[in-house]
């Protein structure tokens, strides 16, 4: 559980690239302009399942998976969970 807290403690460091914003909006069909804030909200929600595998965090929440680099806190991508 302490590993999960590491991501939650550093939510203020979350960021992404311009291409990341476009990719996330396309993959999730989002209509928001602030993708980083949307991701922060989802990651901090009570039903988010946070796991770490190697250099990435994976946040499974509300039918989508958000991938975050564990060292730079860059949101790499997000996509709908395959059922």
N, C-alpha and C. Protein backbone atom coordinates (compact mmCIF):
# COMPACT_ATOMS: atom_id res chain seq x y z
N UNK A 1 0.83 -1.21 0.00
CA UNK A 1 0.00 0.00 0.00
C UNK A 1 0.87 1.26 0.00
N UNK A 2 2.03 1.19 0.58
CA UNK A 2 2.88 2.38 0.61
C UNK A 2 3.34 2.78 -0.79
N UNK A 3 3.51 1.78 -1.68
CA UNK A 3 3.89 2.12 -3.05
C UNK A 3 2.80 2.94 -3.72
N UNK A 4 1.55 2.57 -3.52
CA UNK A 4 0.43 3.30 -4.12
C UNK A 4 0.41 4.74 -3.61
N UNK A 5 0.75 4.91 -2.34
CA UNK A 5 0.76 6.25 -1.76
C UNK A 5 1.79 7.14 -2.44
N UNK A 6 2.85 6.54 -2.99
CA UNK A 6 3.89 7.31 -3.66
C UNK A 6 3.31 8.10 -4.83
N UNK A 7 2.47 7.48 -5.62
CA UNK A 7 1.83 8.17 -6.74
C UNK A 7 0.85 9.22 -6.21
N UNK A 8 0.06 8.85 -5.23
CA UNK A 8 -0.92 9.79 -4.68
C UNK A 8 -0.25 10.99 -4.02
N UNK A 9 0.89 10.78 -3.38
CA UNK A 9 1.61 11.88 -2.73
C UNK A 9 2.19 12.86 -3.75
N UNK A 10 2.40 12.39 -4.97
CA UNK A 10 3.05 13.22 -5.99
C UNK A 10 2.11 13.62 -7.12
N UNK A 11 0.82 13.66 -6.85
CA UNK A 11 -0.15 14.06 -7.88
C UNK A 11 0.16 15.44 -8.47
N UNK A 12 0.73 16.31 -7.65
CA UNK A 12 1.04 17.66 -8.13
C UNK A 12 2.14 17.64 -9.20
N UNK A 13 2.90 16.56 -9.29
CA UNK A 13 3.96 16.45 -10.29
C UNK A 13 3.47 15.89 -11.63
N UNK A 14 2.22 15.42 -11.67
CA UNK A 14 1.70 14.83 -12.90
C UNK A 14 1.68 15.83 -14.03
N UNK A 15 2.09 15.38 -15.20
CA UNK A 15 2.06 16.22 -16.40
C UNK A 15 2.05 15.30 -17.62
N UNK A 16 1.87 15.86 -18.79
CA UNK A 16 1.95 15.09 -20.02
C UNK A 16 2.41 16.01 -21.14
N UNK A 17 2.64 15.44 -22.29
CA UNK A 17 3.08 16.21 -23.46
C UNK A 17 1.86 16.61 -24.29
N UNK A 18 2.08 17.47 -25.28
CA UNK A 18 0.98 17.84 -26.18
C UNK A 18 0.46 16.61 -26.91
N UNK A 19 1.38 15.76 -27.35
CA UNK A 19 0.95 14.52 -28.02
C UNK A 19 0.21 13.62 -27.06
N UNK A 20 0.63 13.60 -25.80
CA UNK A 20 -0.06 12.82 -24.78
C UNK A 20 -1.49 13.28 -24.59
N UNK A 21 -1.69 14.59 -24.57
CA UNK A 21 -3.04 15.15 -24.43
C UNK A 21 -3.92 14.68 -25.58
N UNK A 22 -3.39 14.79 -26.80
CA UNK A 22 -4.17 14.38 -27.98
C UNK A 22 -4.48 12.88 -27.93
N UNK A 23 -3.50 12.07 -27.55
CA UNK A 23 -3.66 10.62 -27.51
C UNK A 23 -4.71 10.22 -26.47
N UNK A 24 -4.63 10.82 -25.28
CA UNK A 24 -5.56 10.49 -24.20
C UNK A 24 -6.99 10.92 -24.57
N UNK A 25 -7.13 12.13 -25.12
CA UNK A 25 -8.46 12.61 -25.52
C UNK A 25 -9.06 11.69 -26.59
N UNK A 26 -8.23 11.26 -27.53
CA UNK A 26 -8.71 10.38 -28.61
C UNK A 26 -9.09 9.01 -28.05
N UNK A 27 -8.21 8.42 -27.24
CA UNK A 27 -8.43 7.07 -26.73
C UNK A 27 -9.65 6.97 -25.83
N UNK A 28 -9.91 8.02 -25.06
CA UNK A 28 -11.02 7.98 -24.10
C UNK A 28 -12.23 8.79 -24.55
N UNK A 29 -12.15 9.39 -25.73
CA UNK A 29 -13.23 10.24 -26.25
C UNK A 29 -13.58 11.33 -25.24
N UNK A 30 -12.56 11.97 -24.70
CA UNK A 30 -12.77 13.03 -23.70
C UNK A 30 -13.11 14.35 -24.38
N UNK A 31 -13.91 15.15 -23.68
CA UNK A 31 -14.30 16.45 -24.19
C UNK A 31 -13.74 17.57 -23.31
N UNK A 32 -12.73 17.25 -22.51
CA UNK A 32 -12.15 18.24 -21.61
C UNK A 32 -10.85 18.79 -22.21
N UNK A 33 -10.52 20.01 -21.85
CA UNK A 33 -9.26 20.59 -22.31
C UNK A 33 -8.14 20.34 -21.31
N UNK A 34 -8.48 20.05 -20.06
CA UNK A 34 -7.45 19.83 -19.04
C UNK A 34 -7.37 18.34 -18.70
N UNK A 35 -6.66 17.63 -19.54
CA UNK A 35 -6.53 16.18 -19.40
C UNK A 35 -5.79 15.82 -18.11
N UNK A 36 -4.78 16.60 -17.75
CA UNK A 36 -4.01 16.31 -16.53
C UNK A 36 -4.90 16.39 -15.30
N UNK A 37 -5.73 17.42 -15.20
CA UNK A 37 -6.65 17.54 -14.07
C UNK A 37 -7.65 16.40 -14.05
N UNK A 38 -8.13 16.00 -15.22
CA UNK A 38 -9.07 14.88 -15.33
C UNK A 38 -8.41 13.62 -14.79
N UNK A 39 -7.16 13.38 -15.18
CA UNK A 39 -6.43 12.20 -14.72
C UNK A 39 -6.18 12.25 -13.22
N UNK A 40 -5.80 13.43 -12.70
CA UNK A 40 -5.58 13.58 -11.26
C UNK A 40 -6.85 13.22 -10.49
N UNK A 41 -7.98 13.71 -10.98
CA UNK A 41 -9.26 13.44 -10.33
C UNK A 41 -9.54 11.93 -10.31
N UNK A 42 -9.33 11.27 -11.44
CA UNK A 42 -9.59 9.83 -11.53
C UNK A 42 -8.64 9.03 -10.64
N UNK A 43 -7.35 9.41 -10.65
CA UNK A 43 -6.35 8.69 -9.87
C UNK A 43 -6.63 8.81 -8.37
N UNK A 44 -7.10 9.97 -7.94
CA UNK A 44 -7.34 10.19 -6.51
C UNK A 44 -8.71 9.69 -6.06
N UNK A 45 -9.53 9.21 -6.97
CA UNK A 45 -10.85 8.71 -6.57
C UNK A 45 -10.71 7.43 -5.75
N UNK A 46 -11.67 7.17 -4.93
CA UNK A 46 -11.60 6.05 -4.01
C UNK A 46 -11.62 4.69 -4.66
N UNK A 47 -12.16 4.59 -5.88
CA UNK A 47 -12.25 3.28 -6.53
C UNK A 47 -11.11 3.01 -7.51
N UNK A 48 -10.07 3.84 -7.49
CA UNK A 48 -8.92 3.63 -8.38
C UNK A 48 -8.04 2.51 -7.82
N UNK A 49 -7.66 1.58 -8.69
CA UNK A 49 -6.74 0.50 -8.32
C UNK A 49 -5.39 0.84 -8.93
N UNK A 50 -4.41 1.11 -8.07
CA UNK A 50 -3.09 1.56 -8.52
C UNK A 50 -2.09 0.42 -8.35
N UNK A 51 -1.41 0.08 -9.44
CA UNK A 51 -0.36 -0.94 -9.37
C UNK A 51 0.89 -0.39 -10.06
N UNK A 52 2.02 -0.94 -9.67
CA UNK A 52 3.26 -0.54 -10.31
C UNK A 52 3.90 -1.78 -10.93
N UNK A 53 4.29 -1.65 -12.19
CA UNK A 53 4.96 -2.73 -12.88
C UNK A 53 6.17 -2.12 -13.57
N UNK A 54 7.36 -2.39 -13.04
CA UNK A 54 8.58 -1.83 -13.61
C UNK A 54 8.62 -0.33 -13.45
N UNK A 55 8.78 0.38 -14.57
CA UNK A 55 8.94 1.83 -14.51
C UNK A 55 7.62 2.60 -14.59
N UNK A 56 6.50 1.90 -14.66
CA UNK A 56 5.21 2.57 -14.83
C UNK A 56 4.22 2.25 -13.72
N UNK A 57 3.38 3.24 -13.45
CA UNK A 57 2.19 3.05 -12.63
C UNK A 57 1.04 2.78 -13.58
N UNK A 58 0.14 1.90 -13.17
CA UNK A 58 -1.08 1.63 -13.94
C UNK A 58 -2.25 1.88 -13.01
N UNK A 59 -3.13 2.78 -13.43
CA UNK A 59 -4.29 3.12 -12.61
C UNK A 59 -5.53 2.65 -13.35
N UNK A 60 -6.20 1.68 -12.75
CA UNK A 60 -7.41 1.12 -13.34
C UNK A 60 -8.60 1.75 -12.61
N UNK A 61 -9.38 2.55 -13.34
CA UNK A 61 -10.48 3.27 -12.70
C UNK A 61 -11.58 3.54 -13.72
N UNK A 62 -12.81 3.29 -13.32
CA UNK A 62 -14.00 3.60 -14.13
C UNK A 62 -13.89 3.11 -15.58
N UNK A 63 -13.37 1.90 -15.76
CA UNK A 63 -13.31 1.32 -17.09
C UNK A 63 -12.18 1.81 -17.97
N UNK A 64 -11.24 2.53 -17.40
CA UNK A 64 -10.09 2.97 -18.19
C UNK A 64 -8.80 2.70 -17.41
N UNK A 65 -7.70 2.65 -18.15
CA UNK A 65 -6.38 2.42 -17.56
C UNK A 65 -5.49 3.60 -17.92
N UNK A 66 -4.96 4.25 -16.90
CA UNK A 66 -4.06 5.40 -17.08
C UNK A 66 -2.65 4.91 -16.77
N UNK A 67 -1.71 5.17 -17.69
CA UNK A 67 -0.32 4.76 -17.52
C UNK A 67 0.53 5.98 -17.21
N UNK A 68 1.27 5.92 -16.10
CA UNK A 68 2.09 7.04 -15.65
C UNK A 68 3.52 6.55 -15.42
N UNK A 69 4.50 7.27 -15.95
CA UNK A 69 5.90 6.93 -15.70
C UNK A 69 6.20 7.17 -14.22
N UNK A 70 6.80 6.18 -13.56
CA UNK A 70 7.01 6.23 -12.12
C UNK A 70 8.12 7.18 -11.70
N UNK A 71 8.99 7.56 -12.62
CA UNK A 71 10.12 8.42 -12.27
C UNK A 71 9.84 9.88 -12.60
N UNK A 72 9.26 10.14 -13.76
CA UNK A 72 9.04 11.53 -14.19
C UNK A 72 7.61 12.00 -13.93
N UNK A 73 6.71 11.08 -13.55
CA UNK A 73 5.29 11.39 -13.34
C UNK A 73 4.63 11.94 -14.60
N UNK A 74 5.11 11.48 -15.76
CA UNK A 74 4.49 11.84 -17.03
C UNK A 74 3.36 10.86 -17.32
N UNK A 75 2.19 11.39 -17.63
CA UNK A 75 1.08 10.54 -18.05
C UNK A 75 1.38 10.13 -19.49
N UNK A 76 1.66 8.87 -19.68
CA UNK A 76 2.07 8.38 -20.99
C UNK A 76 0.86 8.19 -21.89
N UNK A 77 -0.14 7.49 -21.39
CA UNK A 77 -1.33 7.23 -22.18
C UNK A 77 -2.46 6.83 -21.26
N UNK A 78 -3.63 6.76 -21.83
CA UNK A 78 -4.80 6.22 -21.13
C UNK A 78 -5.68 5.60 -22.20
N UNK A 79 -6.29 4.49 -21.86
CA UNK A 79 -7.17 3.84 -22.82
C UNK A 79 -8.29 3.12 -22.10
N UNK A 80 -9.32 2.80 -22.87
CA UNK A 80 -10.44 2.08 -22.29
C UNK A 80 -10.02 0.65 -22.00
N UNK A 81 -10.50 0.15 -20.89
CA UNK A 81 -10.17 -1.22 -20.48
C UNK A 81 -10.83 -2.20 -21.44
N UNK A 82 -10.06 -3.20 -21.88
CA UNK A 82 -10.60 -4.22 -22.76
C UNK A 82 -11.39 -5.21 -21.90
N UNK A 83 -12.58 -5.47 -22.29
CA UNK A 83 -13.46 -6.35 -21.50
C UNK A 83 -13.34 -7.78 -21.96
